[in-house]
């Protein structure tokens, strides 16, 4: 969590000097300075921003119903209402696109927010409104606080905000952001810790609900698997294993985005047949087909600021998987080094410390459980004979903007 290390009274002068290209009286926090740099490249006007029109009521309702965050609102209210001063603060939940879906606060503070365009349906990403709590949390994937003139747009300087990302515990996917905002004089350094704690409680609730659904699937699938011969397993719609037969249990199987009944090739299992189950899938391993044959090609797509995917194509079709920030970094490094990297080399690339091999090996073990035959080791690399296409942003400075890995930072500056 990043706190405010300099005198808040200096922030306006720091903002003015930095945007004018002059030497500021104090340096902005690195987190804020990097965000300002990105925002300037996006062409955001520091006086007016570049706000897009809010989405309409129908689209708002569609996003609310489709979001897993709707069921977390009771926990959010309970965790924040008693501590956050409702007279001066807004409680906001935004989706992964930075769209404000829910907003709570008194009529007075809502009117003040409306004048800034901080309304339900508006997009508060860095690209639209400059440096702010929601946009910065979406990029950094960690809790952040943005106070007064740390905001890029001048009209936002009268506000302070603390935000924490909300992740899906099933796959680490970013679901949205929990944010508390209010007038700058109401700034409280403890707000960030509170928002972070409430976000963790909300994610724990999602985790509990997920395992309850896996238990329900197990009660249906276990008797069915007991009657089958050969190797098979039942997984929920996100690939989490509920029951197995004839094989060691797996924690999770990464499924294609468009999974459907029929023959398939999965990196962690090889060739198999997919059959539907209530709220899940039955995967029967095909012993007759070559389980070790790697797929034909891999596309690593890192062009977007907040979503990175790996797509595997082969004789049995294609599937895509959304990557966590760390796994996006690792696959980028492997794509840039076709001959492979040792654990020590990757540790130096990621941390600037070649001795942190234990951390690297643990992450790659998790990644290989997901990608299976796509990755080789000794050294770590993409499988031999695999065609790898790396797609990066047109501007190198936009590559994995959250990353502080020395190798990624160097690539951004190229």
Protein backbone atom coordinates (compact mmCIF):
# COMPACT_ATOMS: atom_id res chain seq x y z
CA UNK A 1 0.00 0.00 0.00
CA UNK A 2 1.30 3.42 -0.99
CA UNK A 3 0.91 6.31 1.45
CA UNK A 4 1.55 10.04 1.05
CA UNK A 5 5.24 10.68 1.93
CA UNK A 6 5.47 14.42 1.17
CA UNK A 7 3.71 17.41 2.67
CA UNK A 8 0.26 17.61 1.08
CA UNK A 9 0.64 21.39 0.96
CA UNK A 10 3.42 20.94 -1.61
CA UNK A 11 1.33 18.86 -3.99
CA UNK A 12 -0.16 21.76 -6.05
CA UNK A 13 3.32 23.21 -6.61
CA UNK A 14 4.66 19.75 -7.53
CA UNK A 15 1.81 19.29 -10.00
CA UNK A 16 2.24 22.74 -11.58
CA UNK A 17 6.01 22.40 -11.99
CA UNK A 18 5.96 18.84 -13.28
CA UNK A 19 3.34 19.52 -15.92
CA UNK A 20 5.20 22.68 -16.96
CA UNK A 21 8.40 20.70 -17.41
CA UNK A 22 10.15 22.52 -14.56
CA UNK A 23 11.99 21.21 -11.51
CA UNK A 24 9.34 20.58 -8.79
CA UNK A 25 9.95 21.50 -5.14
CA UNK A 26 9.65 17.76 -4.34
CA UNK A 27 9.38 14.71 -6.53
CA UNK A 28 5.96 13.08 -6.86
CA UNK A 29 5.73 9.55 -5.60
CA UNK A 30 7.07 7.13 -8.26
CA UNK A 31 3.60 5.57 -8.49
CA UNK A 32 2.08 8.99 -9.26
CA UNK A 33 4.92 10.20 -11.50
CA UNK A 34 4.66 7.09 -13.67
CA UNK A 35 0.90 7.52 -13.91
CA UNK A 36 1.26 11.18 -14.93
CA UNK A 37 3.70 10.11 -17.62
CA UNK A 38 1.25 7.53 -19.00
CA UNK A 39 -1.63 10.00 -18.90
CA UNK A 40 0.32 12.65 -20.81
CA UNK A 41 1.02 10.09 -23.53
CA UNK A 42 -2.70 9.33 -23.67
CA UNK A 43 -3.30 13.00 -24.44
CA UNK A 44 -5.49 13.72 -21.42
CA UNK A 45 -6.06 17.45 -20.87
CA UNK A 46 -4.90 18.37 -17.32
CA UNK A 47 -7.59 21.04 -17.13
CA UNK A 48 -10.60 19.13 -18.41
CA UNK A 49 -9.63 15.47 -18.79
CA UNK A 50 -11.05 13.48 -21.66
CA UNK A 51 -14.26 12.03 -20.20
CA UNK A 52 -16.41 9.74 -22.32
CA UNK A 53 -20.20 9.82 -22.17
CA UNK A 54 -21.63 7.57 -19.42
CA UNK A 55 -23.26 4.36 -20.55
CA UNK A 56 -27.06 4.27 -20.46
CA UNK A 57 -29.35 2.71 -17.84
CA UNK A 58 -29.87 -0.51 -19.83
CA UNK A 59 -26.14 -1.12 -20.17
CA UNK A 60 -25.61 -0.30 -16.48
CA UNK A 61 -28.21 -2.88 -15.46
CA UNK A 62 -26.74 -5.46 -17.84
CA UNK A 63 -23.28 -4.99 -16.32
CA UNK A 64 -24.64 -5.14 -12.79
CA UNK A 65 -26.43 -8.42 -13.42
CA UNK A 66 -23.43 -9.94 -15.20
CA UNK A 67 -20.98 -8.91 -12.48
CA UNK A 68 -20.06 -11.10 -9.54
CA UNK A 69 -19.65 -7.91 -7.53
CA UNK A 70 -23.39 -7.40 -7.10
CA UNK A 71 -23.55 -10.13 -4.47
CA UNK A 72 -20.75 -8.48 -2.47
CA UNK A 73 -22.51 -5.18 -1.82
CA UNK A 74 -23.85 -6.23 1.62
CA UNK A 75 -20.31 -7.08 2.80
CA UNK A 76 -18.97 -3.81 1.41
CA UNK A 77 -21.66 -1.74 3.10
CA UNK A 78 -21.20 -3.52 6.42
CA UNK A 79 -17.44 -3.09 6.31
CA UNK A 80 -17.39 0.59 5.37
CA UNK A 81 -20.53 2.35 6.53
CA UNK A 82 -19.77 2.34 10.24
CA UNK A 83 -16.26 3.72 9.79
CA UNK A 84 -16.40 5.91 6.69
CA UNK A 85 -18.03 9.29 7.29
CA UNK A 86 -21.07 9.08 5.01
CA UNK A 87 -21.50 12.85 5.11
CA UNK A 88 -18.19 13.43 3.35
CA UNK A 89 -17.44 10.24 1.46
CA UNK A 90 -18.76 8.17 -1.41
CA UNK A 91 -18.50 4.38 -1.54
CA UNK A 92 -18.07 3.33 -5.17
CA UNK A 93 -17.73 -0.04 -6.91
CA UNK A 94 -16.45 -0.02 -10.50
CA UNK A 95 -16.07 -2.91 -12.94
CA UNK A 96 -12.88 -4.03 -14.68
CA UNK A 97 -13.46 -1.43 -17.41
CA UNK A 98 -13.46 1.35 -14.81
CA UNK A 99 -17.21 1.93 -15.19
CA UNK A 100 -18.92 3.05 -12.00
CA UNK A 101 -21.74 0.56 -11.33
CA UNK A 102 -22.69 1.39 -7.75
CA UNK A 103 -22.32 4.59 -5.74
CA UNK A 104 -23.51 5.38 -2.22
CA UNK A 105 -23.32 8.59 -0.18
CA UNK A 106 -25.37 11.55 0.93
CA UNK A 107 -27.13 13.79 -1.57
CA UNK A 108 -24.65 16.60 -0.97
CA UNK A 109 -21.52 14.58 -1.68
CA UNK A 110 -23.20 12.93 -4.69
CA UNK A 111 -23.96 16.37 -6.16
CA UNK A 112 -20.32 17.37 -5.69
CA UNK A 113 -19.23 14.20 -7.44
CA UNK A 114 -21.70 14.75 -10.28
CA UNK A 115 -20.01 18.06 -11.08
CA UNK A 116 -16.81 16.10 -11.72
CA UNK A 117 -18.55 13.47 -13.83
CA UNK A 118 -18.04 10.95 -11.02
CA UNK A 119 -21.42 9.35 -11.64
CA UNK A 120 -22.83 5.88 -12.21
CA UNK A 121 -22.05 4.75 -15.76
CA UNK A 122 -18.97 6.96 -16.17
CA UNK A 123 -15.55 5.50 -17.01
CA UNK A 124 -12.77 6.47 -14.59
CA UNK A 125 -9.74 4.95 -16.25
CA UNK A 126 -6.43 6.76 -16.62
CA UNK A 127 -7.07 7.10 -20.35
CA UNK A 128 -10.31 9.02 -19.73
CA UNK A 129 -9.84 11.14 -16.62
CA UNK A 130 -6.15 10.92 -15.79
CA UNK A 131 -4.58 9.77 -12.54
CA UNK A 132 -7.23 8.76 -10.00
CA UNK A 133 -7.79 5.98 -7.48
CA UNK A 134 -9.92 3.71 -9.65
CA UNK A 135 -7.83 4.08 -12.80
CA UNK A 136 -4.55 3.63 -10.94
CA UNK A 137 -5.78 0.53 -9.07
CA UNK A 138 -6.81 -1.00 -12.42
CA UNK A 139 -3.30 -0.50 -13.79
CA UNK A 140 -1.31 -1.39 -10.68
CA UNK A 141 -3.53 -4.26 -9.51
CA UNK A 142 -2.91 -3.23 -5.89
CA UNK A 143 -4.41 -0.82 -3.31
CA UNK A 144 -3.60 2.84 -3.97
CA UNK A 145 -4.38 6.26 -2.51
CA UNK A 146 -4.52 9.42 -4.64
CA UNK A 147 -4.76 12.67 -2.73
CA UNK A 148 -5.53 16.20 -3.88
CA UNK A 149 -3.08 17.42 -6.58
CA UNK A 150 -1.81 13.90 -7.14
CA UNK A 151 -4.84 13.72 -9.44
CA UNK A 152 -3.80 14.65 -12.97
CA UNK A 153 -6.85 16.80 -13.76
CA UNK A 154 -6.99 20.10 -11.89
CA UNK A 155 -10.71 19.92 -11.06
CA UNK A 156 -10.09 16.70 -9.12
CA UNK A 157 -7.56 18.31 -6.77
CA UNK A 158 -10.25 19.01 -4.21
CA UNK A 159 -10.80 15.26 -3.74
CA UNK A 160 -9.02 12.35 -2.12
CA UNK A 161 -9.62 8.67 -2.81
CA UNK A 162 -8.50 5.22 -1.69
CA UNK A 163 -9.07 2.21 -3.93
CA UNK A 164 -8.39 -1.53 -3.89
CA UNK A 165 -8.79 -4.00 -6.75
CA UNK A 166 -11.21 -6.90 -6.45
CA UNK A 167 -10.07 -10.21 -7.95
CA UNK A 168 -11.90 -13.42 -8.72
CA UNK A 169 -10.29 -15.96 -6.35
CA UNK A 170 -10.98 -18.76 -8.83
CA UNK A 171 -8.57 -17.53 -11.50
CA UNK A 172 -7.14 -14.21 -10.32
CA UNK A 173 -9.11 -12.29 -12.94
CA UNK A 174 -9.68 -8.61 -12.17
CA UNK A 175 -13.36 -8.02 -11.43
CA UNK A 176 -13.30 -4.34 -10.53
CA UNK A 177 -12.33 -1.81 -7.88
CA UNK A 178 -13.67 -0.79 -4.48
CA UNK A 179 -13.18 2.95 -3.94
CA UNK A 180 -13.86 5.48 -1.18
CA UNK A 181 -13.71 9.14 -2.26
CA UNK A 182 -14.40 12.45 -0.59
CA UNK A 183 -13.27 16.08 -0.22
CA UNK A 184 -9.53 16.47 0.29
CA UNK A 185 -9.90 18.03 3.80
CA UNK A 186 -11.54 14.76 4.92
CA UNK A 187 -8.34 12.83 4.08
CA UNK A 188 -7.55 10.07 6.57
CA UNK A 189 -4.43 7.92 6.00
CA UNK A 190 -6.23 4.95 7.61
CA UNK A 191 -8.85 4.89 4.85
CA UNK A 192 -6.57 2.96 2.50
CA UNK A 193 -6.02 0.18 5.04
CA UNK A 194 -9.77 -0.01 5.67
CA UNK A 195 -10.65 -0.22 1.97
CA UNK A 196 -7.96 -2.87 1.47
CA UNK A 197 -9.30 -4.96 4.37
CA UNK A 198 -12.89 -4.76 3.13
CA UNK A 199 -11.78 -5.78 -0.39
CA UNK A 200 -10.05 -8.85 1.09
CA UNK A 201 -13.21 -9.77 3.01
CA UNK A 202 -15.23 -9.47 -0.19
CA UNK A 203 -12.81 -11.72 -2.06
CA UNK A 204 -12.98 -14.25 0.78
CA UNK A 205 -16.76 -14.32 0.41
CA UNK A 206 -16.38 -15.10 -3.30
CA UNK A 207 -13.93 -17.88 -2.43
CA UNK A 208 -16.38 -19.43 0.04
CA UNK A 209 -19.21 -19.37 -2.49
CA UNK A 210 -16.97 -20.96 -5.10
CA UNK A 211 -16.01 -23.93 -2.93
CA UNK A 212 -19.65 -24.44 -1.98
CA UNK A 213 -20.49 -24.77 -5.68
CA UNK A 214 -17.59 -27.24 -6.18
CA UNK A 215 -18.95 -29.35 -3.30
CA UNK A 216 -22.38 -29.43 -4.95
CA UNK A 217 -20.84 -30.60 -8.21
CA UNK A 218 -18.85 -33.29 -6.37
CA UNK A 219 -22.02 -34.77 -4.91
CA UNK A 220 -23.37 -35.24 -8.45
CA UNK A 221 -20.16 -36.27 -10.21
CA UNK A 222 -18.53 -38.66 -7.71
CA UNK A 223 -21.09 -41.50 -8.14
CA UNK A 224 -20.89 -41.09 -11.92
CA UNK A 225 -17.10 -41.33 -11.99
CA UNK A 226 -17.18 -44.43 -9.78
CA UNK A 227 -18.97 -46.27 -12.60
CA UNK A 228 -16.52 -45.20 -15.32
CA UNK A 229 -13.40 -47.04 -16.45
CA UNK A 230 -10.20 -45.28 -17.37
CA UNK A 231 -9.03 -41.86 -16.35
CA UNK A 232 -11.54 -39.06 -15.99
CA UNK A 233 -12.33 -36.04 -13.87
CA UNK A 234 -15.22 -33.69 -13.22
CA UNK A 235 -14.54 -29.96 -13.16
CA UNK A 236 -16.70 -26.90 -12.68
CA UNK A 237 -17.15 -24.34 -15.45
CA UNK A 238 -13.92 -22.63 -14.40
CA UNK A 239 -11.94 -25.86 -14.46
CA UNK A 240 -11.70 -26.49 -10.69
CA UNK A 241 -11.65 -30.22 -9.96
CA UNK A 242 -14.60 -31.68 -8.08
CA UNK A 243 -13.86 -35.42 -8.44
CA UNK A 244 -11.41 -37.75 -10.23
CA UNK A 245 -11.22 -41.40 -11.26
CA UNK A 246 -8.12 -43.42 -12.14
CA UNK A 247 -5.64 -40.56 -11.74
CA UNK A 248 -4.07 -38.24 -9.20
CA UNK A 249 -6.22 -35.22 -8.40
CA UNK A 250 -5.53 -31.91 -10.09
CA UNK A 251 -6.33 -28.56 -8.50
CA UNK A 252 -7.52 -26.93 -11.68
CA UNK A 253 -7.65 -27.54 -15.42
CA UNK A 254 -7.51 -24.51 -17.70
CA UNK A 255 -10.39 -24.83 -20.16
CA UNK A 256 -10.86 -23.11 -23.52
CA UNK A 257 -12.95 -19.95 -23.37
CA UNK A 258 -15.41 -21.55 -25.78
CA UNK A 259 -15.33 -25.03 -24.26
CA UNK A 260 -17.93 -27.33 -25.77
CA UNK A 261 -18.72 -31.07 -25.85
CA UNK A 262 -16.50 -33.23 -28.04
CA UNK A 263 -12.78 -33.93 -28.57
CA UNK A 264 -10.31 -31.40 -27.20
CA UNK A 265 -6.62 -30.93 -26.44
CA UNK A 266 -5.83 -29.40 -23.05
CA UNK A 267 -2.27 -28.44 -22.08
CA UNK A 268 -2.41 -30.06 -18.64
CA UNK A 269 -4.15 -33.27 -19.79
CA UNK A 270 -3.45 -33.79 -23.48
CA UNK A 271 -6.20 -35.21 -25.73
CA UNK A 272 -9.54 -35.81 -24.05
CA UNK A 273 -13.28 -35.87 -24.61
CA UNK A 274 -15.48 -33.22 -23.02
CA UNK A 275 -19.01 -34.05 -21.84
CA UNK A 276 -21.45 -31.69 -20.10
CA UNK A 277 -22.38 -31.95 -16.42
CA UNK A 278 -24.69 -29.75 -14.34
CA UNK A 279 -22.60 -26.57 -13.78
CA UNK A 280 -19.47 -28.28 -15.06
CA UNK A 281 -17.77 -30.73 -17.41
CA UNK A 282 -16.71 -34.36 -17.47
CA UNK A 283 -13.24 -34.79 -19.01
CA UNK A 284 -12.35 -38.30 -20.22
CA UNK A 285 -8.68 -38.71 -21.10
CA UNK A 286 -8.09 -40.27 -24.51
CA UNK A 287 -5.40 -42.93 -23.99
CA UNK A 288 -5.17 -43.78 -27.70
CA UNK A 289 -4.12 -40.34 -28.91
CA UNK A 290 -0.64 -38.88 -28.44
CA UNK A 291 -0.81 -37.04 -25.14
CA UNK A 292 2.66 -35.56 -25.55
CA UNK A 293 2.13 -33.84 -28.88
CA UNK A 294 2.39 -30.07 -28.36
CA UNK A 295 -0.06 -27.70 -30.01
CA UNK A 296 0.95 -25.94 -33.20
CA UNK A 297 1.20 -22.29 -32.15
CA UNK A 298 0.91 -19.87 -29.28
CA UNK A 299 -0.08 -16.19 -29.41
CA UNK A 300 0.89 -14.10 -26.39
CA UNK A 301 -1.17 -10.91 -26.54
CA UNK A 302 0.00 -8.10 -24.23
CA UNK A 303 -1.41 -5.17 -26.20
CA UNK A 304 -4.08 -4.12 -23.72
CA UNK A 305 -3.35 -2.20 -20.54
CA UNK A 306 -5.37 -4.39 -18.18
CA UNK A 307 -5.93 -7.76 -19.90
CA UNK A 308 -3.27 -10.17 -21.21
CA UNK A 309 -3.98 -13.51 -22.84
CA UNK A 310 -2.25 -16.60 -24.17
CA UNK A 311 -4.00 -18.42 -27.03
CA UNK A 312 -2.99 -21.97 -27.96
CA UNK A 313 -3.93 -23.44 -31.36
CA UNK A 314 -3.55 -27.01 -32.59
CA UNK A 315 -5.23 -29.88 -34.41
CA UNK A 316 -8.01 -30.10 -31.82
CA UNK A 317 -8.92 -26.41 -31.96
CA UNK A 318 -7.85 -23.40 -29.95
CA UNK A 319 -8.27 -22.03 -26.44
CA UNK A 320 -7.40 -18.79 -24.65
CA UNK A 321 -6.46 -18.09 -21.07
CA UNK A 322 -6.29 -14.74 -19.29
CA UNK A 323 -2.96 -14.28 -17.54
CA UNK A 324 -2.13 -12.95 -14.12
CA UNK A 325 0.36 -10.04 -14.03
CA UNK A 326 3.25 -12.29 -12.94
CA UNK A 327 2.51 -14.95 -15.53
CA UNK A 328 2.27 -12.29 -18.25
CA UNK A 329 5.76 -11.13 -17.26
CA UNK A 330 7.18 -14.66 -17.31
CA UNK A 331 5.73 -15.58 -20.70
CA UNK A 332 6.93 -12.28 -22.17
CA UNK A 333 10.46 -13.03 -21.01
CA UNK A 334 10.34 -16.57 -22.42
CA UNK A 335 8.97 -15.27 -25.73
CA UNK A 336 11.83 -12.77 -25.91
CA UNK A 337 14.39 -15.54 -25.25
CA UNK A 338 13.48 -18.51 -27.49
CA UNK A 339 16.57 -20.45 -26.39
CA UNK A 340 15.25 -20.39 -22.82
CA UNK A 341 16.14 -18.84 -19.45
CA UNK A 342 17.43 -20.41 -16.28
CA UNK A 343 15.71 -19.74 -12.96
CA UNK A 344 18.58 -17.43 -11.99
CA UNK A 345 18.30 -15.46 -15.23
CA UNK A 346 14.54 -15.06 -14.79
CA UNK A 347 15.06 -14.00 -11.16
CA UNK A 348 17.42 -11.26 -12.37
CA UNK A 349 14.92 -10.26 -15.07
CA UNK A 350 12.01 -10.04 -12.62
CA UNK A 351 13.61 -8.87 -9.38
CA UNK A 352 17.11 -7.70 -10.22
CA UNK A 353 18.30 -10.46 -7.89
CA UNK A 354 19.54 -13.72 -9.41
CA UNK A 355 19.32 -15.48 -6.03
CA UNK A 356 15.51 -15.43 -5.90
CA UNK A 357 15.22 -18.70 -7.78
CA UNK A 358 12.79 -20.30 -5.31
CA UNK A 359 10.14 -17.68 -6.10
CA UNK A 360 10.69 -18.07 -9.83
CA UNK A 361 10.48 -21.87 -9.72
CA UNK A 362 7.25 -21.73 -7.68
CA UNK A 363 5.61 -19.38 -10.19
CA UNK A 364 6.76 -21.47 -13.14
CA UNK A 365 5.48 -24.63 -11.47
CA UNK A 366 2.04 -23.02 -11.25
CA UNK A 367 2.31 -21.82 -14.84
CA UNK A 368 3.33 -25.25 -16.13
CA UNK A 369 0.36 -26.83 -14.35
CA UNK A 370 -1.77 -24.48 -16.44
CA UNK A 371 0.07 -24.76 -19.76
CA UNK A 372 1.47 -28.28 -19.48
CA UNK A 373 3.03 -29.30 -22.80
CA UNK A 374 3.29 -25.69 -23.97
CA UNK A 375 6.32 -25.05 -21.73
CA UNK A 376 9.59 -26.90 -21.36
CA UNK A 377 12.25 -26.64 -18.67
CA UNK A 378 16.01 -26.99 -18.16
CA UNK A 379 16.08 -24.21 -19.29
CA UNK A 380 12.58 -22.78 -19.08
CA UNK A 381 11.25 -22.14 -22.60
CA UNK A 382 8.37 -22.67 -24.95
CA UNK A 383 8.15 -26.26 -26.19
CA UNK A 384 10.39 -27.20 -29.14
CA UNK A 385 8.70 -26.85 -32.51
CA UNK A 386 6.04 -24.50 -31.15
CA UNK A 387 5.39 -21.34 -33.17
CA UNK A 388 5.27 -18.38 -30.77
CA UNK A 389 3.86 -14.98 -31.72
CA UNK A 390 4.37 -12.08 -29.31
CA UNK A 391 1.97 -9.14 -29.65
CA UNK A 392 2.99 -6.00 -27.78
CA UNK A 393 1.59 -2.44 -27.69
CA UNK A 394 2.56 -0.13 -30.59
CA UNK A 395 4.26 2.15 -28.06
CA UNK A 396 6.80 0.19 -25.98
CA UNK A 397 6.07 2.47 -23.02
CA UNK A 398 2.62 0.81 -22.72
CA UNK A 399 4.06 -2.69 -22.17
CA UNK A 400 2.72 -4.20 -18.92
CA UNK A 401 2.47 -0.74 -17.27
CA UNK A 402 2.10 -2.16 -13.75
CA UNK A 403 5.38 -4.09 -13.91
CA UNK A 404 8.47 -3.06 -11.95
CA UNK A 405 10.56 -5.99 -13.25
CA UNK A 406 13.94 -4.61 -14.45
CA UNK A 407 13.69 -6.42 -17.81
CA UNK A 408 10.18 -5.07 -18.44
CA UNK A 409 11.12 -1.54 -17.37
CA UNK A 410 14.09 -1.66 -19.76
CA UNK A 411 11.83 -2.84 -22.60
CA UNK A 412 9.38 0.01 -21.93
CA UNK A 413 12.23 2.52 -22.22
CA UNK A 414 13.57 1.04 -25.45
